[in-house]
């Protein structure tokens, strides 16, 4: 620092000399910068000039010495430097706190804007109140004679959101804190003729469902219900998924349920992206949400057995669809049950349960509304290159991100599905997970669309 001020003094003196030269030049002196050659031999004037410069130079250095040394003694230099460093550190810390607060404010502004935009989009579809917290939504767990009910119940309670957002109801289980126990009063045996007698378990389940759902909507007066069973486990974002899709369910009259299940959701057959959601013509079950107005329609004509297949029939579905995820939000460990482990060892135990929680409540899901979804869906599917089943299996076009395999008959679909190792059965003519006849899944890192020809006209209920 002292060297800096010393050089500054020299520079000032140079400027003074230059000024002096400039003045003298007006009177004919032939002087050069930092040289005193003159056509006149006026030694006296030159000595006076030199003396003045030397005096100014000495005075400047003395003043700098006094300012830098006398005012800042050496013994205090370290203390002063340390104090300044501490002061600087405190200033930096304060600035970081201020910046963090500013970022938090900006995040809040952004979230408020997204929420407002979401609300505006939903209002354009006729939904006035899109906040699930203002609606009474129950979680209903069906249980019957399974000793593993506590496993499913504990998994559900573990992820249950704090507060009173939903009431957990369980059938025929012990009361456990947040759980309200309701019990089916009619446990009488059913007198059935052959061949229905061998399906007695399915008749009891249908009776059980009818009674419990009547309780949910007519006795407890809930707006909607999330239905689960005692052999399921749940992803950490199970409740976020249903909370975020509930306004979409209300907004779009072509939707009649939201499901946590993907029938082709086995490991290796789904994308790694847990945010992907779809529309599906197939009713999946295994963790699903139903609104009261739909139950008012179904309750009076509820079947005596096989209620899930009954719901898949066109008379009930009425071309309405469900929302489903790419990666399941439930998985089943129920090998034992009325179905006697049907599909479990070959299929169900390989279903992938999502482990990467997504806060869907902060996502814009209005793309799932039919008028937004369908144009993009058809453009994507039928803009994908065609390939044969052999091409897919042999990875002949593995450089392409997606391929479309076409089928035109039931036999072609079943043959392709069997080779590609996806579910090959139909319910009321609808393949599992299909939307407009298209079944979407992953194979060897490629998106595969098993699709009918463009211009699909609808399902053929004779395909069983």
Protein backbone atom coordinates (compact mmCIF):
# COMPACT_ATOMS: atom_id res chain seq x y z
CA UNK A 1 0.00 0.00 0.00
CA UNK A 2 2.84 2.45 0.87
CA UNK A 3 4.49 1.65 -2.45
CA UNK A 4 1.25 2.54 -4.18
CA UNK A 5 1.07 5.95 -2.54
CA UNK A 6 4.75 6.55 -3.25
CA UNK A 7 4.23 5.90 -6.96
CA UNK A 8 1.16 8.10 -6.84
CA UNK A 9 3.30 10.92 -5.48
CA UNK A 10 5.81 10.47 -8.27
CA UNK A 11 3.00 10.58 -10.78
CA UNK A 12 1.66 13.83 -9.29
CA UNK A 13 5.10 15.42 -9.48
CA UNK A 14 5.36 14.30 -13.10
CA UNK A 15 2.06 15.96 -13.80
CA UNK A 16 3.26 19.15 -12.09
CA UNK A 17 6.39 19.19 -14.20
CA UNK A 18 4.36 18.60 -17.29
CA UNK A 19 2.12 21.48 -16.31
CA UNK A 20 5.21 23.60 -15.79
CA UNK A 21 6.54 22.66 -19.19
CA UNK A 22 3.26 23.47 -20.84
CA UNK A 23 3.24 26.99 -19.33
CA UNK A 24 6.84 27.69 -20.20
CA UNK A 25 6.30 26.60 -23.75
CA UNK A 26 3.95 29.54 -24.23
CA UNK A 27 6.89 31.81 -23.61
CA UNK A 28 9.30 30.10 -25.99
CA UNK A 29 11.03 27.64 -23.72
CA UNK A 30 12.15 24.46 -25.49
CA UNK A 31 11.74 22.12 -22.47
CA UNK A 32 11.25 18.33 -22.57
CA UNK A 33 9.35 16.09 -20.16
CA UNK A 34 11.62 15.36 -17.21
CA UNK A 35 14.46 17.24 -18.96
CA UNK A 36 15.46 20.83 -18.42
CA UNK A 37 17.28 21.71 -21.62
CA UNK A 38 16.62 25.34 -22.50
CA UNK A 39 17.82 27.82 -24.99
CA UNK A 40 18.30 30.23 -22.09
CA UNK A 41 21.00 29.81 -19.44
CA UNK A 42 18.85 30.86 -16.56
CA UNK A 43 20.44 28.64 -13.83
CA UNK A 44 18.69 30.47 -11.03
CA UNK A 45 15.24 29.70 -12.33
CA UNK A 46 16.22 26.09 -12.92
CA UNK A 47 17.52 25.69 -9.34
CA UNK A 48 14.33 27.19 -7.96
CA UNK A 49 12.24 24.80 -10.01
CA UNK A 50 14.25 21.77 -8.92
CA UNK A 51 14.10 22.86 -5.28
CA UNK A 52 10.32 23.23 -5.49
CA UNK A 53 9.92 19.76 -7.00
CA UNK A 54 12.15 18.18 -4.35
CA UNK A 55 10.22 19.95 -1.58
CA UNK A 56 6.90 18.75 -2.91
CA UNK A 57 8.22 15.20 -3.26
CA UNK A 58 9.56 15.13 0.31
CA UNK A 59 6.36 16.63 1.69
CA UNK A 60 4.26 13.98 -0.09
CA UNK A 61 6.34 11.11 1.25
CA UNK A 62 6.23 12.51 4.80
CA UNK A 63 2.46 12.80 4.64
CA UNK A 64 2.12 9.24 3.30
CA UNK A 65 4.42 7.93 6.03
CA UNK A 66 2.37 9.65 8.71
CA UNK A 67 -0.91 8.37 7.27
CA UNK A 68 0.18 4.76 6.75
CA UNK A 69 2.55 4.19 9.63
CA UNK A 70 1.62 6.56 12.44
CA UNK A 71 -2.12 6.04 12.11
CA UNK A 72 -1.77 2.22 11.70
CA UNK A 73 1.02 0.99 14.00
CA UNK A 74 2.56 -2.36 13.14
CA UNK A 75 1.40 -3.92 16.37
CA UNK A 76 -2.21 -3.24 15.43
CA UNK A 77 -1.94 -4.36 11.82
CA UNK A 78 -2.74 -8.00 12.50
CA UNK A 79 -5.59 -7.09 14.81
CA UNK A 80 -7.05 -4.67 12.27
CA UNK A 81 -6.75 -7.20 9.46
CA UNK A 82 -8.38 -9.91 11.56
CA UNK A 83 -11.22 -7.63 12.50
CA UNK A 84 -11.82 -6.68 8.89
CA UNK A 85 -11.85 -10.36 7.89
CA UNK A 86 -14.42 -11.14 10.58
CA UNK A 87 -16.51 -8.18 9.49
CA UNK A 88 -16.27 -9.33 5.86
CA UNK A 89 -17.27 -12.88 6.85
CA UNK A 90 -20.30 -11.59 8.71
CA UNK A 91 -21.30 -9.48 5.71
CA UNK A 92 -21.01 -12.48 3.38
CA UNK A 93 -23.07 -14.65 5.75
CA UNK A 94 -25.76 -11.98 5.94
CA UNK A 95 -25.82 -11.66 2.17
CA UNK A 96 -26.20 -15.43 1.80
CA UNK A 97 -29.14 -15.40 4.21
CA UNK A 98 -30.74 -12.56 2.28
CA UNK A 99 -30.19 -14.42 -1.00
CA UNK A 100 -31.72 -17.60 0.42
CA UNK A 101 -34.78 -15.68 1.58
CA UNK A 102 -35.07 -14.08 -1.85
CA UNK A 103 -34.89 -17.50 -3.54
CA UNK A 104 -37.55 -18.86 -1.20
CA UNK A 105 -39.80 -15.91 -2.00
CA UNK A 106 -39.25 -16.51 -5.73
CA UNK A 107 -40.08 -20.21 -5.32
CA UNK A 108 -43.28 -19.34 -3.52
CA UNK A 109 -44.24 -16.86 -6.23
CA UNK A 110 -43.56 -19.52 -8.88
CA UNK A 111 -45.59 -22.17 -7.01
CA UNK A 112 -48.47 -19.74 -6.53
CA UNK A 113 -48.39 -18.91 -10.23
CA UNK A 114 -48.40 -22.61 -11.21
CA UNK A 115 -51.25 -23.32 -8.82
CA UNK A 116 -53.22 -20.38 -10.16
CA UNK A 117 -52.59 -21.45 -13.76
CA UNK A 118 -53.64 -25.00 -12.91
CA UNK A 119 -56.80 -23.71 -11.27
CA UNK A 120 -57.61 -21.54 -14.28
CA UNK A 121 -57.14 -24.48 -16.66
CA UNK A 122 -59.40 -26.68 -14.57
CA UNK A 123 -62.04 -23.97 -14.24
CA UNK A 124 -62.27 -23.82 -18.03
CA UNK A 125 -63.47 -27.44 -17.81
CA UNK A 126 -66.23 -26.63 -15.34
CA UNK A 127 -64.53 -27.35 -12.00
CA UNK A 128 -65.09 -24.59 -9.47
CA UNK A 129 -63.33 -26.13 -6.49
CA UNK A 130 -60.19 -28.14 -7.33
CA UNK A 131 -58.64 -28.49 -3.87
CA UNK A 132 -59.01 -32.10 -2.63
CA UNK A 133 -58.60 -30.91 0.96
CA UNK A 134 -62.06 -29.32 0.78
CA UNK A 135 -63.66 -32.65 -0.18
CA UNK A 136 -64.30 -35.66 2.00
CA UNK A 137 -62.21 -38.46 0.55
CA UNK A 138 -62.01 -41.80 2.36
CA UNK A 139 -59.52 -44.62 2.07
CA UNK A 140 -61.32 -47.93 2.30
CA UNK A 141 -59.37 -51.14 2.90
CA UNK A 142 -61.17 -54.42 2.36
CA UNK A 143 -60.01 -57.27 4.55
CA UNK A 144 -61.20 -60.81 5.09
CA UNK A 145 -59.38 -63.54 7.01
CA UNK A 146 -55.86 -62.58 5.90
CA UNK A 147 -53.31 -62.63 8.70
CA UNK A 148 -51.15 -60.26 6.63
CA UNK A 149 -53.62 -57.37 6.94
CA UNK A 150 -51.28 -55.58 9.37
CA UNK A 151 -48.55 -55.54 6.69
CA UNK A 152 -50.78 -53.70 4.26
CA UNK A 153 -52.23 -51.43 6.94
CA UNK A 154 -48.80 -50.49 8.29
CA UNK A 155 -47.57 -49.72 4.76
CA UNK A 156 -50.54 -47.40 4.23
CA UNK A 157 -50.30 -45.66 7.61
CA UNK A 158 -46.58 -45.10 7.10
CA UNK A 159 -47.20 -42.86 4.09
CA UNK A 160 -50.48 -41.31 5.26
CA UNK A 161 -50.24 -37.50 5.04
CA UNK A 162 -50.40 -35.50 8.25
CA UNK A 163 -53.60 -33.73 9.14
CA UNK A 164 -57.19 -34.64 8.46
CA UNK A 165 -57.01 -34.87 4.68
CA UNK A 166 -58.48 -38.37 4.60
CA UNK A 167 -60.09 -40.86 6.94
CA UNK A 168 -58.80 -44.40 6.77
CA UNK A 169 -61.50 -47.05 6.96
CA UNK A 170 -60.85 -50.76 7.15
CA UNK A 171 -63.25 -53.65 7.00
CA UNK A 172 -62.93 -56.49 9.50
CA UNK A 173 -59.62 -55.39 10.99
CA UNK A 174 -58.73 -54.37 14.51
CA UNK A 175 -59.02 -50.71 15.39
CA UNK A 176 -55.59 -49.12 15.25
CA UNK A 177 -55.32 -45.44 16.10
CA UNK A 178 -56.20 -43.58 12.93
CA UNK A 179 -58.18 -46.52 11.60
CA UNK A 180 -61.95 -46.75 11.94
CA UNK A 181 -63.19 -50.32 11.96
CA UNK A 182 -66.47 -51.09 10.19
CA UNK A 183 -67.70 -54.66 9.91
CA UNK A 184 -69.91 -56.31 7.34
CA UNK A 185 -73.00 -57.42 9.33
CA UNK A 186 -74.13 -60.09 6.89
CA UNK A 187 -71.69 -62.99 7.09
CA UNK A 188 -74.32 -65.60 6.26
CA UNK A 189 -73.52 -68.39 3.87
CA UNK A 190 -74.74 -68.17 0.32
CA UNK A 191 -76.87 -70.93 -1.19
CA UNK A 192 -75.79 -71.23 -4.78
CA UNK A 193 -76.59 -73.75 -7.47
CA UNK A 194 -73.94 -75.43 -9.54
CA UNK A 195 -71.78 -74.15 -11.25
CA UNK A 196 -71.97 -70.84 -9.29
CA UNK A 197 -71.24 -72.74 -6.09
CA UNK A 198 -67.55 -73.10 -6.92
CA UNK A 199 -67.34 -69.29 -7.21
CA UNK A 200 -68.88 -68.64 -3.80
CA UNK A 201 -65.92 -66.51 -2.75
CA UNK A 202 -66.54 -64.05 -5.60
CA UNK A 203 -70.19 -63.75 -4.59
CA UNK A 204 -69.17 -62.89 -1.01
CA UNK A 205 -66.68 -60.30 -2.24
CA UNK A 206 -69.31 -58.57 -4.38
CA UNK A 207 -71.71 -58.49 -1.41
CA UNK A 208 -68.94 -57.11 0.76
CA UNK A 209 -68.12 -54.33 -1.74
CA UNK A 210 -71.76 -53.32 -2.13
CA UNK A 211 -72.32 -52.96 1.61
CA UNK A 212 -69.05 -51.12 2.28
CA UNK A 213 -69.41 -48.60 -0.56
CA UNK A 214 -72.98 -47.89 0.48
CA UNK A 215 -71.60 -47.11 3.95
CA UNK A 216 -68.94 -44.80 2.53
CA UNK A 217 -71.27 -42.71 0.39
CA UNK A 218 -74.65 -42.96 2.10
CA UNK A 219 -73.80 -43.32 5.80
CA UNK A 220 -70.50 -41.42 6.05
CA UNK A 221 -71.37 -39.13 3.11
CA UNK A 222 -67.95 -39.04 1.50
CA UNK A 223 -67.37 -37.29 -1.83
CA UNK A 224 -64.94 -39.90 -3.13
CA UNK A 225 -63.14 -43.02 -1.97
CA UNK A 226 -59.78 -44.67 -2.61
CA UNK A 227 -60.32 -48.43 -2.53
CA UNK A 228 -57.52 -50.81 -1.52
CA UNK A 229 -57.28 -54.39 -0.30
CA UNK A 230 -55.37 -56.13 2.48
CA UNK A 231 -52.72 -57.67 0.23
CA UNK A 232 -51.28 -54.43 -1.16
CA UNK A 233 -48.23 -52.34 -0.42
CA UNK A 234 -47.95 -48.68 -1.41
CA UNK A 235 -45.46 -46.31 -2.99
CA UNK A 236 -44.34 -43.25 -0.99
CA UNK A 237 -46.25 -40.92 -3.35
CA UNK A 238 -49.49 -42.94 -3.27
CA UNK A 239 -51.50 -40.15 -1.66
CA UNK A 240 -49.91 -37.37 -3.73
CA UNK A 241 -50.86 -39.29 -6.86
CA UNK A 242 -54.53 -39.49 -5.91
CA UNK A 243 -54.66 -35.94 -4.52
CA UNK A 244 -53.34 -34.51 -7.79
CA UNK A 245 -55.47 -36.63 -10.12
CA UNK A 246 -58.71 -36.04 -8.19
CA UNK A 247 -59.33 -32.58 -9.74
CA UNK A 248 -58.74 -34.08 -13.20
CA UNK A 249 -61.25 -36.84 -12.42
CA UNK A 250 -63.79 -34.17 -11.49
CA UNK A 251 -62.98 -32.00 -14.48
CA UNK A 252 -63.35 -34.55 -17.27
CA UNK A 253 -66.71 -36.38 -17.64
CA UNK A 254 -65.00 -38.99 -19.85
CA UNK A 255 -63.07 -40.19 -16.77
CA UNK A 256 -64.67 -42.43 -14.17
CA UNK A 257 -61.76 -43.68 -12.07
CA UNK A 258 -58.11 -43.25 -11.20
CA UNK A 259 -56.04 -46.40 -10.65
CA UNK A 260 -52.63 -46.96 -9.08
CA UNK A 261 -52.07 -50.06 -11.21
CA UNK A 262 -50.43 -50.92 -14.55
CA UNK A 263 -51.22 -54.51 -15.61
CA UNK A 264 -48.04 -54.60 -17.72
CA UNK A 265 -45.96 -52.84 -15.08
CA UNK A 266 -43.35 -55.54 -14.64
CA UNK A 267 -39.68 -54.77 -14.09
CA UNK A 268 -38.04 -54.19 -17.48
CA UNK A 269 -41.37 -53.36 -19.14
CA UNK A 270 -41.79 -49.83 -17.79
CA UNK A 271 -39.88 -46.61 -18.28
CA UNK A 272 -37.65 -45.23 -15.54
CA UNK A 273 -39.75 -42.05 -15.55
CA UNK A 274 -42.13 -42.17 -12.55
CA UNK A 275 -44.04 -39.07 -13.72
CA UNK A 276 -45.64 -40.73 -16.75
CA UNK A 277 -49.43 -41.05 -16.54
CA UNK A 278 -51.91 -42.31 -19.14
CA UNK A 279 -55.57 -42.67 -20.01
CA UNK A 280 -56.80 -46.27 -20.23
CA UNK A 281 -60.04 -47.85 -21.47
CA UNK A 282 -59.34 -50.85 -19.25
CA UNK A 283 -60.52 -50.75 -15.63
CA UNK A 284 -57.43 -51.84 -13.64
CA UNK A 285 -58.49 -51.87 -9.96
CA UNK A 286 -55.83 -52.72 -7.32
CA UNK A 287 -55.91 -49.31 -5.65
CA UNK A 288 -58.45 -47.04 -7.35
CA UNK A 289 -60.53 -43.93 -6.75
CA UNK A 290 -64.26 -43.62 -7.32
CA UNK A 291 -66.57 -40.61 -7.01
CA UNK A 292 -69.96 -40.61 -5.30
CA UNK A 293 -71.94 -39.73 -8.42
CA UNK A 294 -70.58 -42.85 -10.15
CA UNK A 295 -71.55 -45.04 -7.20
CA UNK A 296 -75.06 -43.59 -7.27
CA UNK A 297 -75.22 -44.94 -10.81
CA UNK A 298 -73.67 -48.37 -10.03
CA UNK A 299 -75.13 -49.22 -6.63
CA UNK A 300 -78.71 -50.01 -7.71
CA UNK A 301 -77.55 -52.55 -10.30
CA UNK A 302 -74.48 -53.95 -8.51
CA UNK A 303 -73.80 -57.56 -9.57
CA UNK A 304 -73.90 -60.66 -7.36
CA UNK A 305 -70.37 -61.71 -8.37
CA UNK A 306 -67.31 -60.82 -10.44
CA UNK A 307 -67.91 -57.11 -9.88
CA UNK A 308 -64.64 -56.02 -11.58
CA UNK A 309 -65.41 -57.76 -14.89
CA UNK A 310 -68.95 -56.36 -14.67
CA UNK A 311 -67.53 -52.83 -14.44
CA UNK A 312 -65.49 -53.46 -17.60
CA UNK A 313 -68.59 -54.17 -19.62
CA UNK A 314 -69.68 -51.41 -22.04
CA UNK A 315 -73.06 -51.09 -20.24
CA UNK A 316 -71.24 -49.82 -17.16
CA UNK A 317 -68.15 -48.24 -18.67
CA UNK A 318 -70.05 -46.21 -21.25
CA UNK A 319 -66.81 -45.34 -23.05
CA UNK A 320 -65.44 -43.75 -19.90
CA UNK A 321 -61.78 -44.28 -19.04
CA UNK A 322 -59.38 -44.39 -16.11
CA UNK A 323 -56.08 -42.69 -15.37
CA UNK A 324 -53.21 -45.10 -14.76
CA UNK A 325 -49.48 -44.69 -14.05
CA UNK A 326 -46.48 -46.00 -15.98
CA UNK A 327 -44.99 -47.34 -12.74
CA UNK A 328 -47.42 -48.86 -10.25
CA UNK A 329 -48.24 -47.08 -7.00
CA UNK A 330 -49.33 -50.40 -5.47
CA UNK A 331 -47.93 -53.93 -5.52
CA UNK A 332 -49.53 -57.14 -4.29
CA UNK A 333 -48.15 -59.89 -2.09
CA UNK A 334 -51.49 -61.76 -2.06
CA UNK A 335 -50.63 -65.14 -3.47
CA UNK A 336 -53.33 -66.74 -1.35
CA UNK A 337 -56.92 -65.69 -1.86
CA UNK A 338 -60.14 -66.39 -3.73
CA UNK A 339 -58.28 -66.40 -7.07
CA UNK A 340 -55.87 -69.03 -5.66
CA UNK A 341 -52.80 -67.18 -6.86
CA UNK A 342 -53.93 -66.77 -10.47
CA UNK A 343 -51.16 -64.94 -12.39
CA UNK A 344 -49.15 -64.36 -9.19
CA UNK A 345 -46.06 -66.51 -9.81
CA UNK A 346 -45.91 -65.74 -13.52
CA UNK A 347 -46.83 -62.08 -13.40
CA UNK A 348 -47.97 -60.23 -10.28
CA UNK A 349 -44.90 -60.79 -8.15
CA UNK A 350 -42.75 -59.11 -10.82
CA UNK A 351 -44.69 -55.84 -10.80
CA UNK A 352 -42.47 -52.85 -10.11
CA UNK A 353 -43.52 -50.55 -7.26
CA UNK A 354 -42.47 -46.93 -7.61
CA UNK A 355 -39.76 -45.91 -5.14
CA UNK A 356 -39.07 -42.36 -6.40
CA UNK A 357 -41.73 -40.10 -4.87
CA UNK A 358 -43.21 -37.47 -7.18
CA UNK A 359 -45.12 -34.50 -5.81
CA UNK A 360 -47.86 -34.65 -8.41
CA UNK A 361 -49.72 -31.84 -6.64
CA UNK A 362 -47.16 -29.43 -8.11
CA UNK A 363 -47.51 -30.82 -11.64
CA UNK A 364 -49.86 -29.64 -14.35
CA UNK A 365 -51.90 -32.74 -15.17
CA UNK A 366 -54.46 -31.09 -17.44
CA UNK A 367 -52.82 -32.90 -20.36
CA UNK A 368 -54.81 -35.96 -19.18
CA UNK A 369 -58.11 -34.29 -20.03
CA UNK A 370 -59.45 -35.87 -23.20
CA UNK A 371 -59.43 -32.84 -25.49
CA UNK A 372 -55.77 -32.24 -24.61
CA UNK A 373 -54.67 -35.87 -24.53
CA UNK A 374 -56.14 -37.49 -27.64
CA UNK A 375 -54.54 -35.37 -30.41
CA UNK A 376 -51.06 -35.76 -28.93
CA UNK A 377 -51.59 -39.47 -28.26
CA UNK A 378 -52.65 -40.29 -31.82
CA UNK A 379 -49.92 -38.15 -33.35
CA UNK A 380 -47.29 -39.88 -31.20
CA UNK A 381 -48.49 -43.44 -31.80
CA UNK A 382 -49.13 -43.23 -35.54
CA UNK A 383 -46.07 -41.10 -36.13
CA UNK A 384 -43.93 -43.95 -34.78
CA UNK A 385 -42.19 -46.22 -37.35
CA UNK A 386 -43.80 -49.59 -38.05
CA UNK A 387 -41.96 -52.79 -37.19
CA UNK A 388 -42.72 -56.48 -37.00
CA UNK A 389 -42.68 -58.54 -33.83
CA UNK A 390 -39.52 -60.20 -35.14
CA UNK A 391 -37.87 -56.79 -35.61
CA UNK A 392 -38.63 -55.93 -31.98
CA UNK A 393 -37.40 -59.23 -30.54
CA UNK A 394 -34.24 -59.27 -32.70
CA UNK A 395 -33.52 -55.60 -31.90
CA UNK A 396 -33.18 -54.84 -35.61
CA UNK A 397 -34.21 -51.23 -35.06
CA UNK A 398 -32.74 -50.70 -31.61
CA UNK A 399 -31.44 -47.23 -32.50
CA UNK A 400 -35.01 -45.92 -32.67
CA UNK A 401 -36.58 -44.72 -29.41
CA UNK A 402 -40.00 -46.20 -30.23
CA UNK A 403 -41.62 -48.73 -32.58
CA UNK A 404 -45.20 -49.53 -33.56
CA UNK A 405 -46.31 -53.12 -34.04
CA UNK A 406 -49.66 -53.41 -35.83
CA UNK A 407 -52.42 -55.96 -35.28
CA UNK A 408 -55.78 -56.30 -37.03
CA UNK A 409 -57.31 -59.44 -35.52
CA UNK A 410 -57.67 -60.96 -32.09
CA UNK A 411 -55.29 -63.76 -33.08
CA UNK A 412 -52.63 -61.29 -34.24
CA UNK A 413 -52.88 -59.41 -30.97
CA UNK A 414 -52.64 -62.54 -28.80
CA UNK A 415 -49.71 -63.89 -30.81
CA UNK A 416 -47.79 -60.61 -30.59
CA UNK A 417 -48.61 -60.18 -26.88
CA UNK A 418 -47.42 -63.68 -26.07
CA UNK A 419 -44.13 -63.20 -27.93
CA UNK A 420 -43.55 -59.77 -26.40
CA UNK A 421 -44.49 -61.15 -22.94
CA UNK A 422 -47.31 -58.77 -22.07
CA UNK A 423 -50.80 -59.65 -20.79
CA UNK A 424 -52.70 -61.19 -23.70
CA UNK A 425 -56.26 -61.47 -22.38
CA UNK A 426 -59.29 -59.25 -23.12
CA UNK A 427 -62.17 -58.08 -20.95
CA UNK A 428 -65.27 -57.12 -22.96
CA UNK A 429 -62.96 -56.84 -25.98
CA UNK A 430 -60.51 -54.46 -24.29
CA UNK A 431 -56.84 -55.51 -23.90
CA UNK A 432 -55.30 -54.70 -20.54
CA UNK A 433 -54.05 -51.08 -20.22
CA UNK A 434 -55.24 -50.31 -23.79
CA UNK A 435 -56.36 -46.87 -24.89
CA UNK A 436 -58.10 -46.69 -28.28
CA UNK A 437 -56.82 -50.21 -28.88
CA UNK A 438 -53.17 -49.23 -28.24
CA UNK A 439 -51.10 -51.06 -25.62
CA UNK A 440 -47.96 -49.17 -24.62
CA UNK A 441 -44.99 -50.77 -22.85
CA UNK A 442 -41.18 -50.90 -22.80
CA UNK A 443 -38.95 -53.65 -24.18
CA UNK A 444 -35.14 -53.57 -24.21
CA UNK A 445 -35.20 -49.83 -23.59
CA UNK A 446 -37.58 -49.11 -26.50
CA UNK A 447 -41.13 -47.82 -26.27
CA UNK A 448 -43.40 -50.29 -28.08
CA UNK A 449 -46.93 -49.49 -29.24
CA UNK A 450 -48.98 -52.60 -30.05
CA UNK A 451 -51.67 -50.82 -32.05
CA UNK A 452 -54.56 -51.38 -34.45
CA UNK A 453 -54.46 -49.68 -37.87
CA UNK A 454 -54.97 -45.94 -37.90
CA UNK A 455 -58.65 -45.01 -37.91
CA UNK A 456 -59.63 -47.46 -35.14
CA UNK A 457 -63.42 -47.76 -34.85
CA UNK A 458 -63.86 -49.29 -31.40
CA UNK A 459 -63.62 -52.55 -29.44
CA UNK A 460 -65.16 -55.83 -30.48
CA UNK A 461 -66.79 -57.40 -27.39
CA UNK A 462 -66.51 -60.85 -29.02
CA UNK A 463 -62.73 -60.69 -28.46
CA UNK A 464 -62.37 -62.67 -25.25
